N, C-alpha and C. Protein backbone atom coordinates (compact mmCIF):
# COMPACT_ATOMS: atom_id res chain seq x y z
N MET A 1 4.83 26.59 10.93
CA MET A 1 5.55 25.40 10.50
C MET A 1 6.62 25.81 9.49
N ALA A 2 7.85 25.42 9.78
CA ALA A 2 8.93 25.84 8.90
C ALA A 2 9.88 24.68 8.66
N ILE A 3 10.45 24.64 7.47
CA ILE A 3 11.47 23.66 7.15
C ILE A 3 12.72 24.41 6.73
N ASN A 4 13.85 23.76 6.87
CA ASN A 4 15.13 24.39 6.59
C ASN A 4 15.63 23.96 5.22
N LEU A 5 15.62 24.89 4.27
CA LEU A 5 16.05 24.56 2.91
C LEU A 5 17.55 24.30 2.84
N LEU A 6 18.30 24.74 3.86
CA LEU A 6 19.75 24.50 3.88
C LEU A 6 20.10 23.15 4.49
N ASN A 7 19.11 22.52 5.08
CA ASN A 7 19.31 21.21 5.68
C ASN A 7 19.42 20.16 4.58
N PRO A 8 20.49 19.35 4.56
CA PRO A 8 20.64 18.34 3.50
C PRO A 8 19.60 17.23 3.58
N GLN A 9 18.92 17.14 4.71
CA GLN A 9 17.89 16.11 4.84
C GLN A 9 16.73 16.41 3.89
N PRO A 10 16.20 15.41 3.19
CA PRO A 10 15.08 15.64 2.27
C PRO A 10 13.91 16.34 2.96
N LEU A 11 13.21 17.17 2.21
CA LEU A 11 12.11 17.94 2.79
C LEU A 11 11.04 17.05 3.40
N TYR A 12 10.73 15.94 2.72
CA TYR A 12 9.66 15.09 3.25
C TYR A 12 10.04 14.48 4.60
N LEU A 13 11.35 14.22 4.80
CA LEU A 13 11.78 13.68 6.09
C LEU A 13 11.74 14.75 7.17
N GLN A 14 12.04 16.00 6.81
CA GLN A 14 11.93 17.08 7.78
C GLN A 14 10.49 17.22 8.26
N ILE A 15 9.55 17.14 7.32
CA ILE A 15 8.13 17.23 7.68
C ILE A 15 7.74 16.04 8.55
N ALA A 16 8.17 14.85 8.15
CA ALA A 16 7.84 13.65 8.92
C ALA A 16 8.37 13.75 10.34
N ASN A 17 9.61 14.24 10.49
CA ASN A 17 10.20 14.36 11.82
C ASN A 17 9.47 15.39 12.68
N GLU A 18 8.97 16.45 12.05
CA GLU A 18 8.23 17.45 12.82
C GLU A 18 6.90 16.88 13.30
N ILE A 19 6.26 16.08 12.46
CA ILE A 19 5.01 15.44 12.87
C ILE A 19 5.27 14.48 14.02
N ILE A 20 6.37 13.72 13.93
CA ILE A 20 6.73 12.81 15.02
C ILE A 20 6.98 13.59 16.31
N ALA A 21 7.66 14.74 16.19
CA ALA A 21 7.94 15.57 17.37
C ALA A 21 6.64 16.04 18.02
N LYS A 22 5.65 16.39 17.20
CA LYS A 22 4.37 16.84 17.74
C LYS A 22 3.62 15.69 18.41
N ILE A 23 3.84 14.48 17.92
CA ILE A 23 3.25 13.32 18.58
C ILE A 23 3.93 13.09 19.93
N ASP A 24 5.26 13.21 19.94
CA ASP A 24 6.02 12.98 21.17
C ASP A 24 5.70 14.01 22.26
N ASN A 25 5.47 15.27 21.85
CA ASN A 25 5.20 16.30 22.87
C ASN A 25 3.72 16.41 23.23
N GLY A 26 2.90 15.53 22.63
CA GLY A 26 1.50 15.48 23.00
C GLY A 26 0.58 16.39 22.21
N GLU A 27 1.14 17.17 21.29
CA GLU A 27 0.29 18.06 20.49
C GLU A 27 -0.64 17.25 19.59
N TYR A 28 -0.11 16.16 19.02
CA TYR A 28 -0.93 15.24 18.24
C TYR A 28 -1.15 13.98 19.08
N LYS A 29 -2.38 13.68 19.38
CA LYS A 29 -2.70 12.49 20.16
C LYS A 29 -3.22 11.39 19.24
N GLU A 30 -3.23 10.17 19.75
CA GLU A 30 -3.70 9.04 18.96
C GLU A 30 -5.13 9.29 18.49
N GLY A 31 -5.35 9.10 17.19
CA GLY A 31 -6.67 9.32 16.62
C GLY A 31 -6.89 10.71 16.07
N THR A 32 -5.91 11.62 16.29
CA THR A 32 -6.03 12.98 15.76
C THR A 32 -6.03 12.96 14.23
N LYS A 33 -6.97 13.68 13.64
CA LYS A 33 -7.00 13.79 12.18
C LYS A 33 -6.13 14.96 11.76
N LEU A 34 -5.20 14.70 10.84
CA LEU A 34 -4.35 15.77 10.33
C LEU A 34 -5.12 16.62 9.33
N GLY A 35 -4.60 17.79 9.04
CA GLY A 35 -5.22 18.64 8.04
C GLY A 35 -5.14 18.00 6.67
N SER A 36 -5.85 18.56 5.72
CA SER A 36 -5.82 18.03 4.36
C SER A 36 -4.44 18.21 3.77
N GLN A 37 -4.15 17.47 2.72
CA GLN A 37 -2.84 17.60 2.06
C GLN A 37 -2.61 19.02 1.57
N LYS A 38 -3.65 19.65 1.05
CA LYS A 38 -3.51 21.02 0.57
C LYS A 38 -3.17 21.97 1.71
N GLU A 39 -3.88 21.83 2.84
CA GLU A 39 -3.64 22.70 3.99
C GLU A 39 -2.22 22.52 4.54
N LEU A 40 -1.79 21.27 4.68
CA LEU A 40 -0.46 21.02 5.24
C LEU A 40 0.64 21.43 4.27
N ALA A 41 0.41 21.22 2.97
CA ALA A 41 1.41 21.62 1.98
C ALA A 41 1.61 23.14 2.02
N GLU A 42 0.51 23.87 2.17
CA GLU A 42 0.61 25.33 2.25
C GLU A 42 1.28 25.75 3.56
N ALA A 43 0.98 25.04 4.65
CA ALA A 43 1.57 25.38 5.95
C ALA A 43 3.08 25.17 5.94
N TYR A 44 3.54 24.10 5.29
CA TYR A 44 4.97 23.82 5.23
C TYR A 44 5.65 24.47 4.02
N ASN A 45 4.83 25.09 3.16
CA ASN A 45 5.34 25.74 1.96
C ASN A 45 6.09 24.76 1.06
N VAL A 46 5.47 23.60 0.84
CA VAL A 46 6.03 22.59 -0.05
C VAL A 46 4.94 22.16 -1.03
N SER A 47 5.33 21.38 -2.01
CA SER A 47 4.35 20.89 -2.98
C SER A 47 3.52 19.77 -2.36
N PRO A 48 2.30 19.56 -2.87
CA PRO A 48 1.48 18.44 -2.37
C PRO A 48 2.18 17.10 -2.53
N ILE A 49 3.02 16.97 -3.55
CA ILE A 49 3.75 15.71 -3.77
C ILE A 49 4.71 15.44 -2.61
N THR A 50 5.43 16.49 -2.18
CA THR A 50 6.37 16.34 -1.06
C THR A 50 5.62 16.02 0.23
N LEU A 51 4.50 16.70 0.45
CA LEU A 51 3.70 16.45 1.65
C LEU A 51 3.17 15.02 1.64
N ARG A 52 2.70 14.57 0.48
CA ARG A 52 2.17 13.21 0.36
C ARG A 52 3.25 12.18 0.66
N LYS A 53 4.47 12.46 0.20
CA LYS A 53 5.57 11.52 0.45
C LYS A 53 5.88 11.42 1.93
N ALA A 54 5.79 12.54 2.65
CA ALA A 54 6.01 12.52 4.10
C ALA A 54 4.93 11.69 4.78
N GLN A 55 3.68 11.85 4.34
CA GLN A 55 2.59 11.07 4.93
C GLN A 55 2.76 9.59 4.65
N GLU A 56 3.13 9.25 3.41
CA GLU A 56 3.31 7.85 3.05
C GLU A 56 4.44 7.23 3.87
N TYR A 57 5.50 8.01 4.09
CA TYR A 57 6.62 7.53 4.89
C TYR A 57 6.16 7.18 6.31
N LEU A 58 5.34 8.05 6.91
CA LEU A 58 4.86 7.82 8.27
C LEU A 58 3.83 6.70 8.32
N ILE A 59 3.05 6.55 7.26
CA ILE A 59 2.11 5.43 7.19
C ILE A 59 2.88 4.12 7.13
N ASN A 60 3.95 4.10 6.33
CA ASN A 60 4.77 2.90 6.22
C ASN A 60 5.40 2.52 7.56
N LYS A 61 5.66 3.53 8.39
CA LYS A 61 6.24 3.31 9.71
C LYS A 61 5.19 2.88 10.74
N GLY A 62 3.92 2.97 10.37
CA GLY A 62 2.86 2.64 11.31
C GLY A 62 2.51 3.78 12.25
N ILE A 63 3.03 4.98 11.97
CA ILE A 63 2.80 6.13 12.84
C ILE A 63 1.49 6.83 12.48
N LEU A 64 1.19 6.90 11.19
CA LEU A 64 -0.09 7.43 10.72
C LEU A 64 -0.85 6.30 10.03
N PHE A 65 -2.14 6.51 9.84
CA PHE A 65 -2.92 5.56 9.06
C PHE A 65 -3.97 6.33 8.27
N SER A 66 -4.40 5.72 7.18
CA SER A 66 -5.35 6.37 6.28
C SER A 66 -6.71 5.71 6.36
N ARG A 67 -7.75 6.53 6.36
CA ARG A 67 -9.12 6.04 6.24
C ARG A 67 -9.65 6.53 4.91
N VAL A 68 -9.99 5.59 4.04
CA VAL A 68 -10.40 5.94 2.69
C VAL A 68 -11.57 6.92 2.71
N GLY A 69 -11.38 8.03 2.01
CA GLY A 69 -12.43 9.03 1.90
C GLY A 69 -12.56 9.94 3.11
N LYS A 70 -11.75 9.70 4.15
CA LYS A 70 -11.87 10.50 5.37
C LYS A 70 -10.62 11.31 5.67
N GLY A 71 -9.44 10.73 5.45
CA GLY A 71 -8.22 11.49 5.69
C GLY A 71 -7.14 10.67 6.37
N ILE A 72 -6.13 11.38 6.89
CA ILE A 72 -4.97 10.77 7.55
C ILE A 72 -5.06 11.02 9.05
N TYR A 73 -4.81 9.98 9.84
CA TYR A 73 -4.94 10.06 11.29
C TYR A 73 -3.66 9.60 11.98
N VAL A 74 -3.49 10.06 13.22
CA VAL A 74 -2.35 9.63 14.03
C VAL A 74 -2.64 8.24 14.58
N GLY A 75 -1.67 7.34 14.43
CA GLY A 75 -1.82 6.00 14.96
C GLY A 75 -1.14 5.88 16.31
N ALA A 76 -0.04 5.11 16.36
CA ALA A 76 0.68 4.91 17.62
C ALA A 76 1.27 6.22 18.11
N THR A 77 1.12 6.51 19.40
CA THR A 77 1.60 7.77 19.95
C THR A 77 2.77 7.62 20.90
N SER A 78 3.16 6.39 21.22
CA SER A 78 4.33 6.20 22.10
C SER A 78 5.49 5.66 21.28
N LYS A 79 6.70 5.96 21.73
CA LYS A 79 7.88 5.51 21.01
C LYS A 79 7.94 3.99 20.97
N SER A 80 7.55 3.33 22.06
CA SER A 80 7.61 1.88 22.11
C SER A 80 6.63 1.26 21.12
N SER A 81 5.42 1.83 21.04
CA SER A 81 4.43 1.27 20.12
C SER A 81 4.81 1.56 18.68
N ARG A 82 5.47 2.70 18.44
CA ARG A 82 5.91 3.00 17.08
C ARG A 82 6.98 2.01 16.65
N THR A 83 7.85 1.66 17.58
CA THR A 83 8.89 0.68 17.27
C THR A 83 8.25 -0.68 16.98
N ALA A 84 7.25 -1.03 17.77
CA ALA A 84 6.61 -2.33 17.61
C ALA A 84 5.89 -2.44 16.28
N THR A 85 5.40 -1.33 15.75
CA THR A 85 4.65 -1.37 14.50
C THR A 85 5.51 -0.94 13.32
N GLY A 86 6.81 -0.95 13.50
CA GLY A 86 7.69 -0.50 12.43
C GLY A 86 7.59 -1.32 11.17
N LYS A 87 7.10 -2.56 11.28
CA LYS A 87 6.97 -3.42 10.11
C LYS A 87 5.61 -3.27 9.44
N ALA A 88 4.77 -2.42 9.96
CA ALA A 88 3.45 -2.24 9.35
C ALA A 88 3.60 -1.67 7.95
N ILE A 89 2.64 -1.97 7.10
CA ILE A 89 2.72 -1.49 5.74
C ILE A 89 1.37 -0.93 5.32
N GLY A 90 1.39 0.25 4.76
CA GLY A 90 0.18 0.87 4.26
C GLY A 90 0.57 2.13 3.54
N PHE A 91 -0.12 2.47 2.46
CA PHE A 91 0.25 3.68 1.75
C PHE A 91 -0.93 4.17 0.93
N VAL A 92 -0.84 5.42 0.51
CA VAL A 92 -1.92 6.05 -0.22
C VAL A 92 -1.48 6.30 -1.65
N LEU A 93 -2.21 5.72 -2.61
CA LEU A 93 -1.94 5.97 -4.02
C LEU A 93 -3.20 6.55 -4.64
N ARG A 94 -3.10 7.74 -5.17
CA ARG A 94 -4.28 8.41 -5.71
C ARG A 94 -4.55 8.05 -7.16
N ASP A 95 -3.49 7.76 -7.91
CA ASP A 95 -3.63 7.57 -9.35
C ASP A 95 -3.25 6.14 -9.70
N PHE A 96 -4.21 5.36 -10.22
CA PHE A 96 -3.93 3.97 -10.55
C PHE A 96 -2.82 3.86 -11.59
N ASN A 97 -2.74 4.83 -12.51
CA ASN A 97 -1.73 4.77 -13.56
C ASN A 97 -0.31 4.88 -13.00
N GLU A 98 -0.18 5.39 -11.77
CA GLU A 98 1.13 5.51 -11.16
C GLU A 98 1.43 4.32 -10.24
N ALA A 99 0.55 3.33 -10.22
CA ALA A 99 0.67 2.25 -9.25
C ALA A 99 2.01 1.54 -9.32
N LEU A 100 2.47 1.21 -10.52
CA LEU A 100 3.71 0.45 -10.67
C LEU A 100 4.90 1.25 -10.16
N ASN A 101 5.02 2.52 -10.59
CA ASN A 101 6.14 3.35 -10.18
C ASN A 101 6.10 3.68 -8.70
N LYS A 102 4.90 4.00 -8.19
CA LYS A 102 4.77 4.38 -6.79
C LYS A 102 5.14 3.23 -5.86
N SER A 103 4.66 2.03 -6.17
CA SER A 103 4.97 0.89 -5.31
C SER A 103 6.44 0.51 -5.42
N PHE A 104 7.04 0.73 -6.60
CA PHE A 104 8.48 0.49 -6.78
C PHE A 104 9.26 1.44 -5.87
N GLU A 105 8.87 2.73 -5.88
CA GLU A 105 9.55 3.72 -5.04
C GLU A 105 9.34 3.42 -3.56
N LEU A 106 8.15 2.96 -3.21
CA LEU A 106 7.86 2.61 -1.82
C LEU A 106 8.79 1.51 -1.35
N ALA A 107 8.94 0.46 -2.16
CA ALA A 107 9.82 -0.64 -1.79
C ALA A 107 11.26 -0.17 -1.65
N GLU A 108 11.70 0.70 -2.56
CA GLU A 108 13.07 1.23 -2.48
C GLU A 108 13.29 1.97 -1.16
N ASP A 109 12.30 2.79 -0.77
CA ASP A 109 12.42 3.54 0.49
C ASP A 109 12.48 2.59 1.69
N LEU A 110 11.63 1.57 1.68
CA LEU A 110 11.61 0.63 2.80
C LEU A 110 12.90 -0.16 2.89
N ILE A 111 13.45 -0.52 1.74
CA ILE A 111 14.72 -1.26 1.73
C ILE A 111 15.86 -0.38 2.22
N SER A 112 15.90 0.87 1.74
CA SER A 112 17.00 1.77 2.10
C SER A 112 16.99 2.14 3.58
N THR A 113 15.80 2.12 4.20
CA THR A 113 15.70 2.46 5.63
C THR A 113 15.59 1.21 6.50
N ASN A 114 15.84 0.05 5.90
CA ASN A 114 15.81 -1.23 6.62
C ASN A 114 14.46 -1.48 7.29
N ASN A 115 13.39 -1.12 6.60
CA ASN A 115 12.05 -1.31 7.14
C ASN A 115 11.19 -2.22 6.25
N LEU A 116 11.84 -3.04 5.45
CA LEU A 116 11.08 -3.92 4.57
C LEU A 116 10.26 -4.90 5.40
N PRO A 117 8.95 -5.00 5.15
CA PRO A 117 8.12 -5.93 5.93
C PRO A 117 8.37 -7.37 5.51
N ASN A 118 7.89 -8.30 6.31
CA ASN A 118 8.02 -9.72 5.97
C ASN A 118 7.02 -10.13 4.89
N ALA A 119 5.93 -9.38 4.80
CA ALA A 119 4.90 -9.70 3.81
C ALA A 119 4.22 -8.41 3.36
N PHE A 120 3.73 -8.43 2.13
CA PHE A 120 3.12 -7.24 1.54
C PHE A 120 1.89 -7.67 0.76
N PHE A 121 0.73 -7.11 1.11
CA PHE A 121 -0.50 -7.36 0.36
C PHE A 121 -0.92 -6.08 -0.34
N ALA A 122 -1.10 -6.14 -1.64
CA ALA A 122 -1.52 -4.97 -2.41
C ALA A 122 -2.93 -5.22 -2.95
N TYR A 123 -3.74 -4.16 -2.97
CA TYR A 123 -5.11 -4.35 -3.44
C TYR A 123 -5.23 -4.26 -4.96
N ALA A 124 -4.09 -4.29 -5.65
CA ALA A 124 -4.08 -4.40 -7.11
C ALA A 124 -2.76 -5.05 -7.51
N ASP A 125 -2.80 -5.92 -8.50
CA ASP A 125 -1.59 -6.62 -8.93
C ASP A 125 -0.49 -5.67 -9.37
N MET A 126 -0.85 -4.56 -10.03
CA MET A 126 0.16 -3.63 -10.52
C MET A 126 1.00 -3.09 -9.37
N ARG A 127 0.39 -2.87 -8.22
CA ARG A 127 1.13 -2.39 -7.06
C ARG A 127 2.07 -3.48 -6.55
N ALA A 128 1.58 -4.70 -6.49
CA ALA A 128 2.42 -5.81 -6.02
C ALA A 128 3.58 -6.06 -6.98
N LEU A 129 3.34 -5.92 -8.28
CA LEU A 129 4.39 -6.16 -9.26
C LEU A 129 5.49 -5.11 -9.18
N GLY A 130 5.10 -3.85 -8.97
CA GLY A 130 6.10 -2.80 -8.81
C GLY A 130 6.94 -3.04 -7.57
N PHE A 131 6.28 -3.44 -6.49
CA PHE A 131 6.98 -3.74 -5.24
C PHE A 131 7.94 -4.91 -5.44
N LYS A 132 7.46 -5.95 -6.13
CA LYS A 132 8.29 -7.14 -6.37
C LYS A 132 9.53 -6.79 -7.18
N GLN A 133 9.38 -5.96 -8.20
CA GLN A 133 10.51 -5.62 -9.05
C GLN A 133 11.60 -4.90 -8.27
N ALA A 134 11.21 -3.99 -7.39
CA ALA A 134 12.19 -3.26 -6.59
C ALA A 134 12.91 -4.20 -5.63
N VAL A 135 12.19 -5.14 -5.06
CA VAL A 135 12.79 -6.11 -4.14
C VAL A 135 13.82 -6.97 -4.88
N LEU A 136 13.45 -7.46 -6.05
CA LEU A 136 14.37 -8.30 -6.83
C LEU A 136 15.57 -7.49 -7.32
N ASP A 137 15.34 -6.25 -7.74
CA ASP A 137 16.44 -5.40 -8.21
C ASP A 137 17.45 -5.13 -7.10
N ALA A 138 16.99 -5.16 -5.85
CA ALA A 138 17.88 -4.92 -4.70
C ALA A 138 18.64 -6.17 -4.30
N GLY A 139 18.43 -7.27 -5.04
CA GLY A 139 19.13 -8.51 -4.73
C GLY A 139 18.48 -9.32 -3.62
N LEU A 140 17.26 -8.94 -3.25
CA LEU A 140 16.53 -9.68 -2.22
C LEU A 140 15.68 -10.77 -2.87
N ARG A 141 15.11 -11.63 -2.04
CA ARG A 141 14.40 -12.79 -2.56
C ARG A 141 12.92 -12.75 -2.21
N VAL A 142 12.12 -13.11 -3.20
CA VAL A 142 10.68 -13.28 -3.01
C VAL A 142 10.40 -14.77 -3.20
N PRO A 143 9.83 -15.44 -2.21
CA PRO A 143 9.21 -14.94 -0.98
C PRO A 143 10.07 -15.04 0.27
N LEU A 144 11.33 -15.44 0.16
CA LEU A 144 12.13 -15.71 1.35
C LEU A 144 12.39 -14.46 2.19
N ASP A 145 12.61 -13.31 1.53
CA ASP A 145 12.82 -12.07 2.27
C ASP A 145 11.51 -11.31 2.49
N VAL A 146 10.64 -11.35 1.51
CA VAL A 146 9.33 -10.73 1.65
C VAL A 146 8.33 -11.50 0.78
N ALA A 147 7.21 -11.90 1.38
CA ALA A 147 6.15 -12.59 0.64
C ALA A 147 5.20 -11.55 0.05
N LEU A 148 4.67 -11.85 -1.13
CA LEU A 148 3.82 -10.88 -1.83
C LEU A 148 2.50 -11.52 -2.26
N VAL A 149 1.42 -10.75 -2.12
CA VAL A 149 0.11 -11.15 -2.61
C VAL A 149 -0.55 -9.94 -3.26
N GLY A 150 -1.13 -10.14 -4.44
CA GLY A 150 -1.81 -9.06 -5.14
C GLY A 150 -3.31 -9.30 -5.21
N PHE A 151 -3.96 -8.56 -6.10
CA PHE A 151 -5.41 -8.70 -6.25
C PHE A 151 -5.77 -8.33 -7.69
N ASP A 152 -6.50 -9.18 -8.36
CA ASP A 152 -7.05 -8.99 -9.72
C ASP A 152 -6.69 -10.13 -10.66
N ASP A 153 -5.49 -10.74 -10.47
CA ASP A 153 -5.00 -11.80 -11.36
C ASP A 153 -4.93 -11.33 -12.80
N ILE A 154 -4.23 -10.21 -13.02
CA ILE A 154 -4.00 -9.76 -14.39
C ILE A 154 -2.99 -10.70 -15.06
N GLU A 155 -2.90 -10.65 -16.36
CA GLU A 155 -2.04 -11.58 -17.10
C GLU A 155 -0.58 -11.49 -16.66
N ARG A 156 -0.11 -10.28 -16.38
CA ARG A 156 1.29 -10.09 -16.00
C ARG A 156 1.63 -10.74 -14.68
N SER A 157 0.64 -11.03 -13.86
CA SER A 157 0.92 -11.63 -12.55
C SER A 157 1.48 -13.04 -12.68
N GLN A 158 1.31 -13.66 -13.85
CA GLN A 158 1.81 -15.02 -14.05
C GLN A 158 3.27 -15.06 -14.51
N ASN A 159 3.82 -13.88 -14.82
CA ASN A 159 5.17 -13.83 -15.39
C ASN A 159 6.24 -14.20 -14.38
N LYS A 160 7.30 -14.82 -14.87
CA LYS A 160 8.49 -15.10 -14.06
C LYS A 160 9.43 -13.91 -14.15
N PRO A 161 10.38 -13.74 -13.20
CA PRO A 161 10.60 -14.67 -12.09
C PRO A 161 9.58 -14.46 -10.97
N VAL A 162 9.27 -15.51 -10.30
CA VAL A 162 8.36 -15.52 -9.14
C VAL A 162 6.95 -15.05 -9.51
N PRO A 163 6.15 -15.92 -10.13
CA PRO A 163 4.75 -15.58 -10.40
C PRO A 163 4.03 -15.16 -9.13
N LEU A 164 3.09 -14.24 -9.28
CA LEU A 164 2.46 -13.58 -8.14
C LEU A 164 1.22 -14.32 -7.64
N THR A 165 1.20 -14.59 -6.34
CA THR A 165 -0.03 -15.06 -5.70
C THR A 165 -1.02 -13.90 -5.69
N THR A 166 -2.27 -14.18 -6.01
CA THR A 166 -3.23 -13.09 -6.15
C THR A 166 -4.65 -13.58 -5.90
N VAL A 167 -5.57 -12.66 -5.93
CA VAL A 167 -6.99 -12.98 -5.76
C VAL A 167 -7.70 -12.70 -7.08
N ARG A 168 -8.37 -13.71 -7.60
CA ARG A 168 -9.05 -13.58 -8.89
C ARG A 168 -10.54 -13.33 -8.67
N GLN A 169 -11.03 -12.27 -9.26
CA GLN A 169 -12.46 -11.97 -9.16
C GLN A 169 -13.23 -12.76 -10.22
N PRO A 170 -14.46 -13.17 -9.91
CA PRO A 170 -15.27 -13.92 -10.88
C PRO A 170 -15.86 -12.97 -11.94
N ALA A 171 -15.02 -12.54 -12.86
CA ALA A 171 -15.41 -11.50 -13.81
C ALA A 171 -16.63 -11.89 -14.65
N CYS A 172 -16.65 -13.12 -15.15
CA CYS A 172 -17.79 -13.55 -15.98
C CYS A 172 -19.08 -13.56 -15.18
N GLU A 173 -18.98 -14.04 -13.95
CA GLU A 173 -20.17 -14.09 -13.10
C GLU A 173 -20.64 -12.68 -12.74
N ILE A 174 -19.69 -11.78 -12.50
CA ILE A 174 -20.04 -10.39 -12.21
C ILE A 174 -20.81 -9.78 -13.38
N GLY A 175 -20.30 -10.03 -14.59
CA GLY A 175 -20.97 -9.51 -15.78
C GLY A 175 -22.36 -10.08 -15.96
N ALA A 176 -22.50 -11.39 -15.72
CA ALA A 176 -23.80 -12.04 -15.88
C ALA A 176 -24.81 -11.52 -14.86
N VAL A 177 -24.37 -11.37 -13.62
CA VAL A 177 -25.26 -10.86 -12.57
C VAL A 177 -25.66 -9.42 -12.87
N ALA A 178 -24.70 -8.61 -13.31
CA ALA A 178 -25.00 -7.22 -13.63
C ALA A 178 -26.02 -7.13 -14.77
N PHE A 179 -25.86 -8.00 -15.77
CA PHE A 179 -26.81 -8.01 -16.89
C PHE A 179 -28.21 -8.39 -16.42
N ASP A 180 -28.28 -9.43 -15.59
CA ASP A 180 -29.59 -9.88 -15.09
C ASP A 180 -30.27 -8.79 -14.26
N LEU A 181 -29.49 -8.10 -13.43
CA LEU A 181 -30.06 -7.04 -12.60
C LEU A 181 -30.55 -5.88 -13.45
N LEU A 182 -29.75 -5.52 -14.46
CA LEU A 182 -30.15 -4.43 -15.35
C LEU A 182 -31.41 -4.78 -16.11
N LEU A 183 -31.48 -6.00 -16.61
CA LEU A 183 -32.65 -6.45 -17.36
C LEU A 183 -33.89 -6.44 -16.47
N ALA A 184 -33.72 -6.87 -15.22
CA ALA A 184 -34.85 -6.88 -14.29
C ALA A 184 -35.34 -5.46 -14.00
N GLN A 185 -34.40 -4.52 -13.86
CA GLN A 185 -34.78 -3.13 -13.61
C GLN A 185 -35.52 -2.54 -14.81
N ILE A 186 -35.06 -2.87 -16.01
CA ILE A 186 -35.72 -2.39 -17.22
C ILE A 186 -37.17 -2.88 -17.27
N LYS A 187 -37.38 -4.10 -16.80
CA LYS A 187 -38.72 -4.69 -16.81
C LYS A 187 -39.56 -4.23 -15.63
N GLY A 188 -38.97 -3.39 -14.77
CA GLY A 188 -39.72 -2.87 -13.64
C GLY A 188 -39.81 -3.82 -12.47
N MET A 189 -38.98 -4.83 -12.46
CA MET A 189 -38.99 -5.82 -11.37
C MET A 189 -38.14 -5.32 -10.21
N SER A 190 -38.46 -5.78 -9.01
CA SER A 190 -37.64 -5.43 -7.85
C SER A 190 -36.37 -6.28 -7.87
N VAL A 191 -35.26 -5.68 -7.49
CA VAL A 191 -33.98 -6.39 -7.51
C VAL A 191 -33.29 -6.22 -6.16
N VAL A 192 -32.40 -7.16 -5.87
CA VAL A 192 -31.62 -7.06 -4.63
C VAL A 192 -30.58 -5.96 -4.80
N ASN A 193 -30.31 -5.24 -3.72
CA ASN A 193 -29.34 -4.15 -3.78
C ASN A 193 -27.90 -4.64 -3.68
N ARG A 194 -27.74 -5.85 -3.18
CA ARG A 194 -26.38 -6.33 -2.96
C ARG A 194 -26.32 -7.84 -3.17
N LYS A 195 -25.31 -8.27 -3.90
CA LYS A 195 -25.09 -9.70 -4.11
C LYS A 195 -23.60 -9.97 -3.96
N ILE A 196 -23.25 -10.88 -3.09
CA ILE A 196 -21.85 -11.18 -2.81
C ILE A 196 -21.41 -12.38 -3.64
N LEU A 197 -20.34 -12.20 -4.39
CA LEU A 197 -19.76 -13.27 -5.20
C LEU A 197 -18.41 -13.65 -4.62
N GLU A 198 -18.10 -14.92 -4.61
CA GLU A 198 -16.88 -15.40 -4.00
C GLU A 198 -15.68 -15.27 -4.95
N PRO A 199 -14.61 -14.60 -4.51
CA PRO A 199 -13.38 -14.55 -5.32
C PRO A 199 -12.59 -15.85 -5.13
N GLU A 200 -11.51 -15.98 -5.86
CA GLU A 200 -10.69 -17.20 -5.78
C GLU A 200 -9.24 -16.82 -5.46
N LEU A 201 -8.67 -17.47 -4.47
CA LEU A 201 -7.26 -17.26 -4.14
C LEU A 201 -6.41 -18.11 -5.08
N VAL A 202 -5.55 -17.46 -5.85
CA VAL A 202 -4.68 -18.16 -6.81
C VAL A 202 -3.28 -18.20 -6.21
N ILE A 203 -2.88 -19.36 -5.72
CA ILE A 203 -1.60 -19.48 -5.03
C ILE A 203 -0.48 -19.77 -6.03
N ARG A 204 0.49 -18.86 -6.06
CA ARG A 204 1.68 -19.05 -6.89
C ARG A 204 2.91 -18.93 -6.01
N GLU A 205 4.06 -18.66 -6.58
CA GLU A 205 5.31 -18.76 -5.83
C GLU A 205 5.55 -17.61 -4.85
N SER A 206 4.97 -16.45 -5.09
CA SER A 206 5.37 -15.26 -4.33
C SER A 206 4.98 -15.28 -2.85
N CYS A 207 4.01 -16.13 -2.47
CA CYS A 207 3.58 -16.13 -1.07
C CYS A 207 4.37 -17.13 -0.23
N GLY A 208 5.10 -18.04 -0.89
CA GLY A 208 5.98 -18.95 -0.17
C GLY A 208 5.29 -20.04 0.60
N THR A 209 4.34 -20.74 -0.03
CA THR A 209 3.67 -21.84 0.65
C THR A 209 3.97 -23.16 -0.05
N GLY A 210 4.23 -24.19 0.74
CA GLY A 210 4.36 -25.55 0.23
C GLY A 210 5.30 -25.69 -0.94
N GLN A 211 4.81 -26.34 -2.00
CA GLN A 211 5.60 -26.62 -3.19
C GLN A 211 6.04 -25.35 -3.89
N GLN A 212 5.19 -24.27 -3.78
CA GLN A 212 5.54 -23.01 -4.43
C GLN A 212 6.85 -22.46 -3.88
N LEU A 213 7.07 -22.60 -2.56
CA LEU A 213 8.30 -22.10 -1.95
C LEU A 213 9.50 -22.87 -2.48
N ASN A 214 9.37 -24.19 -2.60
CA ASN A 214 10.48 -24.99 -3.10
C ASN A 214 10.82 -24.64 -4.54
N THR A 215 9.78 -24.46 -5.36
CA THR A 215 9.99 -24.10 -6.76
C THR A 215 10.64 -22.74 -6.88
N SER A 216 10.14 -21.77 -6.07
CA SER A 216 10.68 -20.42 -6.12
C SER A 216 12.15 -20.41 -5.74
N THR A 217 12.50 -21.18 -4.72
CA THR A 217 13.88 -21.20 -4.26
C THR A 217 14.80 -21.75 -5.33
N LYS A 218 14.36 -22.77 -6.06
CA LYS A 218 15.18 -23.37 -7.10
C LYS A 218 15.42 -22.41 -8.25
N ASN A 219 14.44 -21.52 -8.51
CA ASN A 219 14.55 -20.62 -9.65
C ASN A 219 15.41 -19.40 -9.36
N MET A 220 15.86 -19.21 -8.12
CA MET A 220 16.60 -18.00 -7.77
C MET A 220 18.09 -18.25 -7.75
């Protein structure tokens, strides 16, 4: 595996294009698991950061997909199916502290390549907020150009412009249940291994529903 350092194309795009070529020629088939980031970075003689960016780019395109704790796999293997899934969104973030910057960079890449999805769901509000900021900085509209939903309902999710629709976890109930289970274990009592608590969908302007859409439009 070789990349051309004299090629003005970014290294991560060269790697991404080579992976696509291997899919097109049948070397990588649908469901094929790619090597680890360390193995591929060494094979291409690039940093793990560059390799990760290439993988994230292909995941955003719907060409690869990630299974948590298992690795990166080949998704669509035909050109037609890759085109059809071009609006798919998914990415790998290893460090929560980088969530805001990483999702901001992701949105910038999607906007610059004209691949911005119609909707974006992030499993943490910080990721959704970073994505939202990049969209707004580009002069686009939330939710008219892209609808956003986060998860956690942190305090910053309520901030304007365009407060974030999110999922609120029952934090107090989680704490109470955890305390009761711990106390029961201390007393030697049998406890259930799993208890499901219902989260709450907090609808704000970013998802573009009903009155929220009208309010959001007026504020832009």
